[in-house]
């Protein structure tokens, strides 16, 4: 069995966020769960994106209720994020410090994020 293509566009990620949050859901439910802002695609655009995600193996149809299909994620958020970070890491020739320093200096890390990173670093040190 081939591995699903998990390189996703921004809109595909937006749609996947809804399915990751909801689990099994109809397209309508996933669309309504998206933030009400200018980045939210129209329903028909979301429908096209779901078709693409299904072709990529990122979501799958679980069952049909009336005229609506219930979809669920076929890939995890963790695997997608991991691949994105690995790709960025590769582009930076294996240097992690630019990524970490940018996040720290930009103020995008919460105190909870910092605590979690420190915990991971300590666990990693113990394994080495």
Protein backbone atom coordinates (compact mmCIF):
# COMPACT_ATOMS: atom_id res chain seq x y z
CA UNK A 1 0.00 0.00 0.00
CA UNK A 2 1.45 3.39 -0.96
CA UNK A 3 1.83 6.12 1.61
CA UNK A 4 -0.73 8.96 1.33
CA UNK A 5 0.55 12.24 -0.11
CA UNK A 6 0.59 14.52 2.90
CA UNK A 7 2.09 17.66 1.40
CA UNK A 8 -0.92 19.94 1.77
CA UNK A 9 -1.72 23.46 0.59
CA UNK A 10 -2.84 26.18 3.02
CA UNK A 11 -6.50 25.62 2.11
CA UNK A 12 -6.13 21.86 2.42
CA UNK A 13 -4.59 22.36 5.87
CA UNK A 14 -7.47 24.64 6.85
CA UNK A 15 -10.00 21.97 5.88
CA UNK A 16 -7.96 19.25 7.60
CA UNK A 17 -7.90 21.34 10.81
CA UNK A 18 -11.69 20.99 10.95
CA UNK A 19 -11.62 17.25 10.41
CA UNK A 20 -8.82 16.80 12.97
CA UNK A 21 -10.86 18.79 15.49
CA UNK A 22 -14.17 17.04 14.76
CA UNK A 23 -13.03 13.54 13.87
CA UNK A 24 -15.75 12.00 11.69
CA UNK A 25 -17.92 14.73 10.16
CA UNK A 26 -19.85 15.77 7.09
CA UNK A 27 -18.44 18.40 4.79
CA UNK A 28 -21.11 20.82 6.05
CA UNK A 29 -20.07 20.24 9.70
CA UNK A 30 -16.39 20.67 8.83
CA UNK A 31 -17.12 23.85 6.87
CA UNK A 32 -19.17 25.32 9.71
CA UNK A 33 -16.33 24.54 12.16
CA UNK A 34 -13.89 26.67 10.16
CA UNK A 35 -13.16 30.15 11.51
CA UNK A 36 -15.56 32.82 10.25
CA UNK A 37 -12.97 35.03 8.56
CA UNK A 38 -11.72 36.02 5.13
CA UNK A 39 -9.59 32.85 4.89
CA UNK A 40 -12.61 30.57 5.15
CA UNK A 41 -13.32 29.09 1.71
CA UNK A 42 -16.80 29.06 0.23
CA UNK A 43 -18.67 25.79 0.70
CA UNK A 44 -18.18 24.74 -2.94
CA UNK A 45 -14.44 25.43 -2.68
CA UNK A 46 -14.29 23.33 0.50
CA UNK A 47 -16.12 20.59 -1.42
CA UNK A 48 -13.42 20.66 -4.11
CA UNK A 49 -10.69 20.59 -1.46
CA UNK A 50 -12.29 17.56 0.23
CA UNK A 51 -12.26 15.77 -3.13
CA UNK A 52 -8.53 16.56 -3.49
CA UNK A 53 -7.83 15.45 0.08
CA UNK A 54 -9.64 12.20 -0.55
CA UNK A 55 -7.59 11.62 -3.72
CA UNK A 56 -4.39 12.26 -1.73
CA UNK A 57 -5.49 9.77 0.92
CA UNK A 58 -5.66 12.45 3.64
CA UNK A 59 -9.33 11.83 4.42
CA UNK A 60 -11.64 8.93 3.75
CA UNK A 61 -15.34 8.35 3.43
CA UNK A 62 -16.68 6.39 6.36
CA UNK A 63 -20.39 6.10 5.62
CA UNK A 64 -23.27 7.84 3.93
CA UNK A 65 -26.15 9.34 5.89
CA UNK A 66 -28.95 10.49 3.61
CA UNK A 67 -27.23 12.46 0.86
CA UNK A 68 -24.18 13.38 2.96
CA UNK A 69 -20.94 11.48 3.29
CA UNK A 70 -19.24 11.24 6.67
CA UNK A 71 -15.47 11.76 6.31
CA UNK A 72 -12.69 11.21 8.79
CA UNK A 73 -8.98 12.01 8.71
CA UNK A 74 -6.82 9.24 7.30
CA UNK A 75 -3.60 10.99 8.36
CA UNK A 76 -2.72 12.56 11.67
CA UNK A 77 -1.92 16.18 12.34
CA UNK A 78 1.34 15.00 13.94
CA UNK A 79 2.48 13.22 10.76
CA UNK A 80 1.68 16.22 8.55
CA UNK A 81 3.43 18.67 10.89
CA UNK A 82 6.39 16.31 11.17
CA UNK A 83 6.79 16.16 7.42
CA UNK A 84 6.53 19.96 7.13
CA UNK A 85 9.20 20.47 9.80
CA UNK A 86 11.43 17.80 8.25
CA UNK A 87 11.14 19.54 4.88
CA UNK A 88 12.03 22.91 6.41
CA UNK A 89 14.88 21.30 8.34
CA UNK A 90 16.20 19.86 5.07
CA UNK A 91 16.00 23.24 3.34
CA UNK A 92 18.11 24.68 6.19
CA UNK A 93 20.67 21.89 5.68
CA UNK A 94 19.89 20.29 9.02
CA UNK A 95 20.27 23.43 11.14
CA UNK A 96 17.57 23.56 13.81
CA UNK A 97 18.73 26.73 15.54
CA UNK A 98 17.33 29.14 12.89
CA UNK A 99 13.86 27.62 13.37
CA UNK A 100 13.97 27.69 17.16
CA UNK A 101 15.51 31.17 17.38
CA UNK A 102 12.94 32.60 14.97
CA UNK A 103 10.07 31.16 17.00
CA UNK A 104 11.55 32.46 20.25
CA UNK A 105 12.39 35.94 18.91
CA UNK A 106 9.09 36.39 17.08
CA UNK A 107 7.08 35.93 20.27
CA UNK A 108 5.15 33.03 18.77
CA UNK A 109 5.98 30.67 21.62
CA UNK A 110 3.68 30.69 24.62
CA UNK A 111 4.99 29.88 28.10
CA UNK A 112 3.30 26.48 27.73
CA UNK A 113 5.16 25.93 24.44
CA UNK A 114 8.47 26.81 26.11
CA UNK A 115 7.79 24.48 29.03
CA UNK A 116 6.94 21.64 26.63
CA UNK A 117 10.10 22.28 24.58
CA UNK A 118 12.22 22.26 27.75
CA UNK A 119 10.62 18.97 28.81
CA UNK A 120 11.34 17.41 25.41
CA UNK A 121 14.95 18.62 25.50
CA UNK A 122 15.48 17.14 28.96
CA UNK A 123 14.00 13.80 27.85
CA UNK A 124 16.19 13.85 24.76
CA UNK A 125 19.31 14.48 26.90
CA UNK A 126 18.46 11.50 29.09
CA UNK A 127 18.21 9.23 26.03
CA UNK A 128 21.63 10.31 24.74
